[in-house]
Amino acid sequence: MNKMLSFLLAATSLHAAGQAVHTVDYASQADVKVFVVDYESQADLKVYKVPYVSQAKGNEGKWFWVPYASQAQKKLFFVDYASQADLKIFFVKYESQAGWRTAAKKHLFY
């Protein structure tokens, strides 16, 4: 019984996270196609990889990678060219740098 309760609590906390993400193998499986840009100024969203799912709240560019697609709020596919992407991102070094540069793309993570 304890294992079942632990599993339910873990699943609930993962689902509640605003930006729990998982990388998929095919574009057809993805909710959002993503391209990583070389410069912050080219990005729609500046992303910070958080170490704990509890830190991935809201729609602020703080992402936590989950091991299974079923745990993710959004499934991502990384494309080879910017023209193929729904969203261009730039990975930042500090949590305080995360956030949207292009508000028009925010709907992709609601």
Protein backbone atom coordinates (compact mmCIF):
# COMPACT_ATOMS: atom_id res chain seq x y z
CA MET A 1 0.00 0.00 0.00
CA ASN A 2 2.85 2.39 0.78
CA LYS A 3 4.38 1.85 -2.66
CA MET A 4 1.09 2.67 -4.35
CA LEU A 5 0.67 5.85 -2.31
CA SER A 6 4.25 6.90 -3.09
CA PHE A 7 3.69 6.30 -6.78
CA LEU A 8 0.47 8.34 -6.81
CA LEU A 9 2.12 11.23 -4.97
CA ALA A 10 5.09 11.18 -7.34
CA ALA A 11 2.86 11.05 -10.41
CA THR A 12 0.74 13.91 -9.10
CA SER A 13 3.75 16.09 -8.39
CA LEU A 14 5.17 15.44 -11.86
CA HIS A 15 1.90 16.27 -13.55
CA ALA A 16 1.52 19.46 -11.52
CA ALA A 17 4.91 20.75 -12.64
CA GLY A 18 4.55 23.50 -15.19
CA GLN A 19 7.43 22.45 -17.37
CA ALA A 20 8.14 18.76 -16.92
CA VAL A 21 9.48 17.81 -20.35
CA HIS A 22 10.57 14.69 -22.19
CA THR A 23 12.50 14.38 -25.45
CA VAL A 24 10.89 12.08 -28.02
CA ASP A 25 12.49 10.29 -30.96
CA TYR A 26 10.17 11.46 -33.73
CA ALA A 27 8.65 14.81 -34.66
CA SER A 28 5.22 13.20 -34.98
CA GLN A 29 5.31 12.31 -31.25
CA ALA A 30 6.10 15.85 -30.12
CA ASP A 31 3.90 18.57 -28.72
CA VAL A 32 6.56 21.16 -29.55
CA LYS A 33 9.43 21.11 -32.05
CA VAL A 34 12.45 22.91 -30.59
CA PHE A 35 15.65 24.35 -32.00
CA VAL A 36 18.59 25.40 -29.82
CA VAL A 37 20.08 28.70 -30.99
CA ASP A 38 23.65 29.86 -30.54
CA TYR A 39 22.84 33.28 -29.11
CA GLU A 40 20.40 34.45 -26.46
CA SER A 41 19.14 37.22 -28.75
CA GLN A 42 17.90 34.62 -31.28
CA ALA A 43 15.73 32.75 -28.74
CA ASP A 44 12.02 32.86 -28.07
CA LEU A 45 12.63 31.30 -24.65
CA LYS A 46 15.65 31.20 -22.36
CA VAL A 47 15.66 27.81 -20.61
CA TYR A 48 17.24 26.74 -17.35
CA LYS A 49 17.44 23.03 -16.52
CA VAL A 50 16.30 22.66 -12.90
CA PRO A 51 17.53 19.75 -10.78
CA TYR A 52 14.19 19.06 -9.08
CA VAL A 53 10.67 18.78 -10.50
CA SER A 54 9.34 21.05 -7.75
CA GLN A 55 11.37 23.92 -9.25
CA ALA A 56 9.72 23.60 -12.67
CA LYS A 57 6.62 25.59 -11.80
CA GLY A 58 4.63 27.80 -14.11
CA ASN A 59 5.57 28.83 -17.62
CA GLU A 60 8.89 30.55 -16.93
CA GLY A 61 11.45 28.50 -18.86
CA LYS A 62 12.50 26.32 -15.94
CA TRP A 63 12.46 22.80 -17.32
CA PHE A 64 12.82 19.45 -15.61
CA TRP A 65 13.47 16.40 -17.78
CA VAL A 66 11.39 13.37 -16.83
CA PRO A 67 12.40 9.83 -17.84
CA TYR A 68 9.08 8.84 -19.44
CA ALA A 69 6.82 10.61 -21.93
CA SER A 70 3.78 9.77 -19.81
CA GLN A 71 5.21 11.90 -16.98
CA ALA A 72 5.79 14.97 -19.16
CA GLN A 73 3.57 17.95 -19.52
CA LYS A 74 5.20 18.59 -22.90
CA LYS A 75 6.98 16.23 -25.27
CA LEU A 76 9.81 17.87 -27.21
CA PHE A 77 11.54 17.02 -30.45
CA PHE A 78 14.81 18.80 -31.24
CA VAL A 79 15.00 19.73 -34.92
CA ASP A 80 18.09 20.35 -37.05
CA TYR A 81 17.06 23.70 -38.51
CA ALA A 82 15.47 26.81 -37.02
CA SER A 83 12.91 26.91 -39.84
CA GLN A 84 11.51 23.54 -38.68
CA ALA A 85 10.95 24.69 -35.09
CA ASP A 86 7.86 25.87 -33.28
CA LEU A 87 10.13 27.34 -30.61
CA LYS A 88 13.73 28.56 -30.52
CA ILE A 89 15.45 28.18 -27.15
CA PHE A 90 18.74 29.14 -25.55
CA PHE A 91 20.05 27.34 -22.47
CA VAL A 92 21.16 29.74 -19.73
CA LYS A 93 23.62 29.15 -16.89
CA TYR A 94 21.60 30.72 -14.10
CA GLU A 95 17.99 30.22 -13.02
CA SER A 96 17.40 33.98 -12.80
CA GLN A 97 18.10 34.30 -16.56
CA ALA A 98 15.26 31.98 -17.59
CA GLY A 99 12.17 33.44 -19.21
CA TRP A 100 10.31 34.37 -22.35
CA ARG A 101 11.73 36.77 -24.91
CA THR A 102 8.78 36.29 -27.32
CA ALA A 103 5.47 36.40 -25.44
CA ALA A 104 3.57 35.29 -28.56
CA LYS A 105 4.98 31.76 -28.14
CA LYS A 106 3.90 31.31 -24.48
CA HIS A 107 0.80 29.40 -25.54
CA LEU A 108 2.99 26.47 -26.57
CA PHE A 109 3.53 25.58 -22.91
CA TYR A 110 0.04 26.00 -21.49
